[in-house]
Amino acid sequence: MPKRSGAKGGTPATALLDRTGTPYRLHAYGHDPGTASFGLEAAAALGVAPAAVFKTLLVATGLPGAEALAVGVVPVDRSLDLKAMAAALGVKKVEMADPAAAERRTGYVVGGISPLGQRNPSRTVLDASAFALETVYVSGGRRGLDIELAAGDLAALTGAVSAPIASA
């Protein structure tokens, strides 16, 4: 996959990809502020299957300090299985993080949270389905911007572990 600079629509996510020399494609699209699902909007706008577009969700782990929040990355047409996420993290349970806490932690706004280039990176779990795809799409760090890259590169850059954390 050819590398495309994020200079024009630069975000911390594209800066990380450029800095590490990771191959990626940047996809911008018109975002509708009234949309009900940012991820499904991205899939439709980009003309790709929703199973290839992944959303970034933060969960509260109940642990102190830097371990208090973790990131789950799942296809936009699926839900995050909180029990599976807790098991992947080795904790008793998790719950969805407060949106304001997620924004403070990542430096991104809800609907544009990227797993890449977060202000304060968190432990990350990437749904195992990502590795069956040639490339995956994740938020580029703002609404209306997605990054296409190899799942292995995404996992390497985020330190993600792979686990089946998506449910229907």
C-alpha atoms as a PDB file:
ATOM      1  CA  MET A   1       0.000   0.000   0.000  1.00  0.00           C
ATOM      2  CA  PRO A   2       1.479   3.362  -0.898  1.00  0.00           C
ATOM      3  CA  LYS A   3       2.127   5.785   1.894  1.00  0.00           C
ATOM      4  CA  ARG A   4       0.195   9.015   1.758  1.00  0.00           C
ATOM      5  CA  SER A   5       1.293  11.939   3.826  1.00  0.00           C
ATOM      6  CA  GLY A   6      -1.157  13.323   6.318  1.00  0.00           C
ATOM      7  CA  ALA A   7       0.327  16.830   5.942  1.00  0.00           C
ATOM      8  CA  LYS A   8      -2.809  18.500   4.591  1.00  0.00           C
ATOM      9  CA  GLY A   9      -5.255  16.938   7.055  1.00  0.00           C
ATOM     10  CA  GLY A  10      -2.627  16.226   9.661  1.00  0.00           C
ATOM     11  CA  THR A  11      -3.621  14.746  12.994  1.00  0.00           C
ATOM     12  CA  PRO A  12      -1.564  13.039  15.701  1.00  0.00           C
ATOM     13  CA  ALA A  13      -2.593   9.730  14.070  1.00  0.00           C
ATOM     14  CA  THR A  14      -1.206  10.648  10.641  1.00  0.00           C
ATOM     15  CA  ALA A  15       1.869  12.220  12.232  1.00  0.00           C
ATOM     16  CA  LEU A  16       2.595   8.897  13.969  1.00  0.00           C
ATOM     17  CA  LEU A  17       2.187   6.975  10.710  1.00  0.00           C
ATOM     18  CA  ASP A  18       4.437   9.385   8.831  1.00  0.00           C
ATOM     19  CA  ARG A  19       7.056   9.375  11.599  1.00  0.00           C
ATOM     20  CA  THR A  20       7.221   5.574  11.669  1.00  0.00           C
ATOM     21  CA  GLY A  21       7.095   5.161   7.880  1.00  0.00           C
ATOM     22  CA  THR A  22       3.997   2.983   8.135  1.00  0.00           C
ATOM     23  CA  PRO A  23       2.136   2.526   4.824  1.00  0.00           C
ATOM     24  CA  TYR A  24      -1.415   3.886   4.877  1.00  0.00           C
ATOM     25  CA  ARG A  25      -4.098   5.593   2.825  1.00  0.00           C
ATOM     26  CA  LEU A  26      -5.983   8.620   4.064  1.00  0.00           C
ATOM     27  CA  HIS A  27      -9.699   8.863   3.196  1.00  0.00           C
ATOM     28  CA  ALA A  28     -11.617  12.091   3.783  1.00  0.00           C
ATOM     29  CA  TYR A  29     -15.392  12.319   3.376  1.00  0.00           C
ATOM     30  CA  GLY A  30     -18.168  14.776   4.131  1.00  0.00           C
ATOM     31  CA  HIS A  31     -19.343  14.270   7.699  1.00  0.00           C
ATOM     32  CA  ASP A  32     -23.008  14.872   8.525  1.00  0.00           C
ATOM     33  CA  PRO A  33     -23.222  16.277  12.086  1.00  0.00           C
ATOM     34  CA  GLY A  34     -26.688  14.742  12.460  1.00  0.00           C
ATOM     35  CA  THR A  35     -25.583  11.169  11.770  1.00  0.00           C
ATOM     36  CA  ALA A  36     -26.569   8.514  14.290  1.00  0.00           C
ATOM     37  CA  SER A  37     -23.506   6.295  13.718  1.00  0.00           C
ATOM     38  CA  PHE A  38     -20.125   7.778  12.850  1.00  0.00           C
ATOM     39  CA  GLY A  39     -18.733   4.388  11.835  1.00  0.00           C
ATOM     40  CA  LEU A  40     -21.597   3.353   9.578  1.00  0.00           C
ATOM     41  CA  GLU A  41     -21.465   6.818   8.013  1.00  0.00           C
ATOM     42  CA  ALA A  42     -17.766   6.251   7.236  1.00  0.00           C
ATOM     43  CA  ALA A  43     -18.407   2.823   5.696  1.00  0.00           C
ATOM     44  CA  ALA A  44     -21.172   4.189   3.459  1.00  0.00           C
ATOM     45  CA  ALA A  45     -19.169   7.265   2.438  1.00  0.00           C
ATOM     46  CA  LEU A  46     -16.088   5.190   1.628  1.00  0.00           C
ATOM     47  CA  GLY A  47     -18.033   2.419  -0.113  1.00  0.00           C
ATOM     48  CA  VAL A  48     -16.547  -0.353   2.019  1.00  0.00           C
ATOM     49  CA  ALA A  49     -18.127  -3.123   4.064  1.00  0.00           C
ATOM     50  CA  PRO A  50     -18.914  -2.089   7.642  1.00  0.00           C
ATOM     51  CA  ALA A  51     -16.958  -5.144   8.826  1.00  0.00           C
ATOM     52  CA  ALA A  52     -13.784  -3.475   7.510  1.00  0.00           C
ATOM     53  CA  VAL A  53     -14.343  -0.169   9.327  1.00  0.00           C
ATOM     54  CA  PHE A  54     -13.402  -0.259  13.004  1.00  0.00           C
ATOM     55  CA  LYS A  55     -14.541   1.990  15.822  1.00  0.00           C
ATOM     56  CA  THR A  56     -12.421   2.943  18.802  1.00  0.00           C
ATOM     57  CA  LEU A  57     -14.159   2.571  22.153  1.00  0.00           C
ATOM     58  CA  LEU A  58     -12.780   3.343  25.585  1.00  0.00           C
ATOM     59  CA  VAL A  59     -13.701   1.342  28.649  1.00  0.00           C
ATOM     60  CA  ALA A  60     -13.192   1.942  32.352  1.00  0.00           C
ATOM     61  CA  THR A  61     -11.341  -0.967  33.956  1.00  0.00           C
ATOM     62  CA  GLY A  62     -11.693  -0.113  37.626  1.00  0.00           C
ATOM     63  CA  LEU A  63      -7.891  -0.096  37.935  1.00  0.00           C
ATOM     64  CA  PRO A  64      -6.010   2.941  39.239  1.00  0.00           C
ATOM     65  CA  GLY A  65      -3.968   5.494  37.306  1.00  0.00           C
ATOM     66  CA  ALA A  66      -2.813   4.865  33.761  1.00  0.00           C
ATOM     67  CA  GLU A  67      -4.600   1.498  33.696  1.00  0.00           C
ATOM     68  CA  ALA A  68      -8.011   3.087  34.457  1.00  0.00           C
ATOM     69  CA  LEU A  69      -9.000   3.238  30.781  1.00  0.00           C
ATOM     70  CA  ALA A  70      -8.421   0.807  27.928  1.00  0.00           C
ATOM     71  CA  VAL A  71      -9.233   0.806  24.222  1.00  0.00           C
ATOM     72  CA  GLY A  72     -11.329  -1.725  22.321  1.00  0.00           C
ATOM     73  CA  VAL A  73     -11.277  -1.627  18.509  1.00  0.00           C
ATOM     74  CA  VAL A  74     -14.208  -3.445  16.863  1.00  0.00           C
ATOM     75  CA  PRO A  75     -16.058  -3.403  13.518  1.00  0.00           C
ATOM     76  CA  VAL A  76     -18.656  -0.619  13.295  1.00  0.00           C
ATOM     77  CA  ASP A  77     -21.453  -3.098  12.560  1.00  0.00           C
ATOM     78  CA  ARG A  78     -20.796  -4.984  15.802  1.00  0.00           C
ATOM     79  CA  SER A  79     -20.831  -4.154  19.515  1.00  0.00           C
ATOM     80  CA  LEU A  80     -18.079  -4.396  22.075  1.00  0.00           C
ATOM     81  CA  ASP A  81     -18.564  -7.493  24.250  1.00  0.00           C
ATOM     82  CA  LEU A  82     -17.695  -6.085  27.672  1.00  0.00           C
ATOM     83  CA  LYS A  83     -17.124  -9.527  29.237  1.00  0.00           C
ATOM     84  CA  ALA A  84     -14.760 -10.530  26.436  1.00  0.00           C
ATOM     85  CA  MET A  85     -12.967  -7.189  26.720  1.00  0.00           C
ATOM     86  CA  ALA A  86     -12.526  -7.657  30.469  1.00  0.00           C
ATOM     87  CA  ALA A  87     -11.157 -11.161  29.894  1.00  0.00           C
ATOM     88  CA  ALA A  88      -8.709  -9.886  27.260  1.00  0.00           C
ATOM     89  CA  LEU A  89      -7.467  -7.266  29.734  1.00  0.00           C
ATOM     90  CA  GLY A  90      -7.339  -9.705  32.655  1.00  0.00           C
ATOM     91  CA  VAL A  91      -9.751  -7.715  34.822  1.00  0.00           C
ATOM     92  CA  LYS A  92     -13.058  -8.694  36.460  1.00  0.00           C
ATOM     93  CA  LYS A  93     -15.234  -6.301  34.488  1.00  0.00           C
ATOM     94  CA  VAL A  94     -15.216  -3.188  32.347  1.00  0.00           C
ATOM     95  CA  GLU A  95     -17.837  -0.599  31.503  1.00  0.00           C
ATOM     96  CA  MET A  96     -18.004   2.021  28.806  1.00  0.00           C
ATOM     97  CA  ALA A  97     -15.906   5.049  29.745  1.00  0.00           C
ATOM     98  CA  ASP A  98     -17.414   8.465  30.226  1.00  0.00           C
ATOM     99  CA  PRO A  99     -17.171  10.300  26.856  1.00  0.00           C
ATOM    100  CA  ALA A 100     -15.503  13.337  28.465  1.00  0.00           C
ATOM    101  CA  ALA A 101     -12.887  11.082  30.087  1.00  0.00           C
ATOM    102  CA  ALA A 102     -12.271   9.385  26.725  1.00  0.00           C
ATOM    103  CA  GLU A 103     -11.745  12.763  25.060  1.00  0.00           C
ATOM    104  CA  ARG A 104      -9.351  13.957  27.783  1.00  0.00           C
ATOM    105  CA  ARG A 105      -7.378  10.719  27.665  1.00  0.00           C
ATOM    106  CA  THR A 106      -7.031  10.523  23.887  1.00  0.00           C
ATOM    107  CA  GLY A 107      -6.983  14.174  22.831  1.00  0.00           C
ATOM    108  CA  TYR A 108      -9.658  13.408  20.239  1.00  0.00           C
ATOM    109  CA  VAL A 109     -13.403  14.138  20.136  1.00  0.00           C
ATOM    110  CA  VAL A 110     -16.005  11.371  20.309  1.00  0.00           C
ATOM    111  CA  GLY A 111     -16.739  10.233  16.768  1.00  0.00           C
ATOM    112  CA  GLY A 112     -13.153  10.988  15.788  1.00  0.00           C
ATOM    113  CA  ILE A 113     -11.191   9.009  18.376  1.00  0.00           C
ATOM    114  CA  SER A 114      -8.367   7.178  16.667  1.00  0.00           C
ATOM    115  CA  PRO A 115      -6.535   4.240  18.208  1.00  0.00           C
ATOM    116  CA  LEU A 116      -3.377   5.886  16.821  1.00  0.00           C
ATOM    117  CA  GLY A 117      -1.549   8.924  18.184  1.00  0.00           C
ATOM    118  CA  GLN A 118      -3.522   9.241  21.391  1.00  0.00           C
ATOM    119  CA  ARG A 119      -2.380  11.904  23.861  1.00  0.00           C
ATOM    120  CA  ASN A 120      -2.091   9.248  26.592  1.00  0.00           C
ATOM    121  CA  PRO A 121      -2.073   5.786  24.998  1.00  0.00           C
ATOM    122  CA  SER A 122      -4.033   3.054  26.756  1.00  0.00           C
ATOM    123  CA  ARG A 123      -3.873  -0.733  26.697  1.00  0.00           C
ATOM    124  CA  THR A 124      -5.525  -1.725  23.442  1.00  0.00           C
ATOM    125  CA  VAL A 125      -7.407  -4.814  22.298  1.00  0.00           C
ATOM    126  CA  LEU A 126      -8.059  -5.255  18.558  1.00  0.00           C
ATOM    127  CA  ASP A 127     -10.885  -7.569  17.578  1.00  0.00           C
ATOM    128  CA  ALA A 128      -9.489 -10.757  16.042  1.00  0.00           C
ATOM    129  CA  SER A 129     -11.654 -10.292  12.915  1.00  0.00           C
ATOM    130  CA  ALA A 130      -9.298  -7.522  11.770  1.00  0.00           C
ATOM    131  CA  PHE A 131      -6.610 -10.038  10.896  1.00  0.00           C
ATOM    132  CA  ALA A 132      -8.820 -11.759   8.302  1.00  0.00           C
ATOM    133  CA  LEU A 133      -8.828  -8.539   6.249  1.00  0.00           C
ATOM    134  CA  GLU A 134      -6.163  -7.194   3.915  1.00  0.00           C
ATOM    135  CA  THR A 135      -6.640  -3.711   5.370  1.00  0.00           C
ATOM    136  CA  VAL A 136      -8.821  -2.064   8.005  1.00  0.00           C
ATOM    137  CA  TYR A 137     -10.171   1.455   8.332  1.00  0.00           C
ATOM    138  CA  VAL A 138      -9.969   3.417  11.604  1.00  0.00           C
ATOM    139  CA  SER A 139     -10.631   7.015  12.499  1.00  0.00           C
ATOM    140  CA  GLY A 140      -7.923   9.365  11.386  1.00  0.00           C
ATOM    141  CA  GLY A 141      -8.367  11.565  14.420  1.00  0.00           C
ATOM    142  CA  ARG A 142     -11.326  13.679  13.394  1.00  0.00           C
ATOM    143  CA  ARG A 143     -14.830  13.147  12.106  1.00  0.00           C
ATOM    144  CA  GLY A 144     -14.824  12.695   8.336  1.00  0.00           C
ATOM    145  CA  LEU A 145     -11.309  11.251   8.129  1.00  0.00           C
ATOM    146  CA  ASP A 146     -10.385   7.560   8.077  1.00  0.00           C
ATOM    147  CA  ILE A 147      -7.047   5.795   7.773  1.00  0.00           C
ATOM    148  CA  GLU A 148      -6.689   2.527   5.867  1.00  0.00           C
ATOM    149  CA  LEU A 149      -3.813   0.324   6.972  1.00  0.00           C
ATOM    150  CA  ALA A 150      -2.832  -3.283   7.630  1.00  0.00           C
ATOM    151  CA  ALA A 151      -4.210  -4.756  10.869  1.00  0.00           C
ATOM    152  CA  GLY A 152      -0.730  -5.933  11.812  1.00  0.00           C
ATOM    153  CA  ASP A 153       0.600  -2.380  11.535  1.00  0.00           C
ATOM    154  CA  LEU A 154      -2.295  -1.081  13.634  1.00  0.00           C
ATOM    155  CA  ALA A 155      -1.586  -3.691  16.308  1.00  0.00           C
ATOM    156  CA  ALA A 156       2.143  -2.982  16.288  1.00  0.00           C
ATOM    157  CA  LEU A 157       1.732   0.794  16.581  1.00  0.00           C
ATOM    158  CA  THR A 158      -0.806   0.582  19.416  1.00  0.00           C
ATOM    159  CA  GLY A 159       0.730  -2.395  21.216  1.00  0.00           C
ATOM    160  CA  ALA A 160      -2.644  -4.103  20.812  1.00  0.00           C
ATOM    161  CA  VAL A 161      -3.401  -7.653  21.709  1.00  0.00           C
ATOM    162  CA  SER A 162      -5.841  -9.559  19.524  1.00  0.00           C
ATOM    163  CA  ALA A 163      -8.956 -11.149  20.978  1.00  0.00           C
ATOM    164  CA  PRO A 164     -12.543 -11.871  19.877  1.00  0.00           C
ATOM    165  CA  ILE A 165     -14.143  -8.857  21.601  1.00  0.00           C
ATOM    166  CA  ALA A 166     -16.962  -8.052  19.133  1.00  0.00           C
ATOM    167  CA  SER A 167     -20.499  -9.315  19.472  1.00  0.00           C
ATOM    168  CA  ALA A 168     -23.479  -9.133  17.106  1.00  0.00           C
END
